[in-house]
Amino acid sequence: MDWQSLLASVLPMLPAQYAGDLVTVGTFLVALCALLARFWPRPAEGSRWLKLYELVNSVAQNKGHAANADDAAGKPTSG
């Protein structure tokens, strides 16, 4: 089962006010993570902040698209 069909089966069971609030909070979190990802350089390997950095980039859908896209790959490009 893909996430879209799961969402389509769950959303009708939620009251409209809660669904709207859920969408609003979700949109805010994605936007906040995108803003954080824009200005947060990748921590050094082994840093305790690396997992949080990766989570923020995942929520922000920042896989290679933001200004710090060279950081998102995790490895410097050669050449």
Protein backbone atom coordinates (compact mmCIF):
# COMPACT_ATOMS: atom_id res chain seq x y z
CA MET A 1 0.00 0.00 0.00
CA ASP A 2 1.45 3.33 -0.99
CA TRP A 3 1.21 6.45 1.17
CA GLN A 4 -1.35 8.15 -1.07
CA SER A 5 -3.90 5.38 -0.75
CA LEU A 6 -3.22 5.20 2.98
CA LEU A 7 -3.76 8.94 3.28
CA ALA A 8 -6.92 8.74 1.17
CA SER A 9 -8.33 6.11 3.52
CA VAL A 10 -7.38 7.93 6.76
CA LEU A 11 -8.28 11.54 5.93
CA PRO A 12 -12.04 10.94 5.52
CA MET A 13 -12.14 9.64 9.10
CA LEU A 14 -10.66 12.88 10.48
CA PRO A 15 -12.88 15.84 11.24
CA ALA A 16 -12.24 18.66 8.75
CA GLN A 17 -10.88 21.00 11.42
CA TYR A 18 -8.24 18.47 12.52
CA ALA A 19 -7.28 17.65 8.94
CA GLY A 20 -6.87 21.34 8.20
CA ASP A 21 -4.77 21.85 11.31
CA LEU A 22 -2.64 18.82 10.42
CA VAL A 23 -1.98 20.18 6.94
CA THR A 24 -1.16 23.63 8.33
CA VAL A 25 1.30 22.27 10.90
CA GLY A 26 2.87 19.96 8.31
CA THR A 27 3.30 22.82 5.85
CA PHE A 28 4.86 24.98 8.55
CA LEU A 29 7.33 22.22 9.51
CA VAL A 30 8.43 21.68 5.91
CA ALA A 31 8.88 25.43 5.38
CA LEU A 32 10.80 25.80 8.64
CA CYS A 33 13.10 22.91 7.77
CA ALA A 34 13.67 24.36 4.29
CA LEU A 35 14.69 27.67 5.84
CA LEU A 36 17.00 25.95 8.32
CA ALA A 37 18.53 23.79 5.58
CA ARG A 38 19.27 26.88 3.51
CA PHE A 39 21.60 28.37 6.12
CA TRP A 40 22.90 25.34 8.05
CA PRO A 41 26.20 23.94 6.72
CA ARG A 42 26.77 20.21 6.98
CA PRO A 43 28.33 19.20 10.32
CA ALA A 44 31.56 17.21 10.34
CA GLU A 45 31.37 13.43 10.08
CA GLY A 46 30.87 11.92 13.51
CA SER A 47 29.26 15.07 14.88
CA ARG A 48 26.29 14.62 17.18
CA TRP A 49 24.38 17.15 15.02
CA LEU A 50 24.71 15.12 11.81
CA LYS A 51 21.55 13.03 12.37
CA LEU A 52 19.49 16.14 13.10
CA TYR A 53 20.96 17.83 10.03
CA GLU A 54 19.97 14.83 7.87
CA LEU A 55 16.45 14.81 9.36
CA VAL A 56 16.01 18.53 8.67
CA ASN A 57 17.20 18.07 5.09
CA SER A 58 14.84 15.13 4.59
CA VAL A 59 11.81 17.01 5.92
CA ALA A 60 12.80 20.04 3.82
CA GLN A 61 13.02 17.78 0.75
CA ASN A 62 16.48 19.22 0.21
CA LYS A 63 18.22 16.36 -1.55
CA GLY A 64 20.56 18.32 -3.79
CA HIS A 65 18.35 21.34 -4.45
CA ALA A 66 19.21 24.08 -1.95
CA ALA A 67 22.11 26.50 -1.81
CA ASN A 68 24.01 24.02 0.35
CA ALA A 69 23.34 21.19 -2.13
CA ASP A 70 27.03 20.30 -2.19
CA ASP A 71 26.70 19.67 1.56
CA ALA A 72 23.58 17.50 1.14
CA ALA A 73 25.49 14.86 -0.80
CA GLY A 74 27.79 14.32 2.15
CA LYS A 75 30.91 14.09 0.04
CA PRO A 76 32.73 16.88 -1.80
CA THR A 77 32.62 16.66 -5.57
CA SER A 78 35.87 15.97 -7.38
CA GLY A 79 37.10 18.12 -10.20
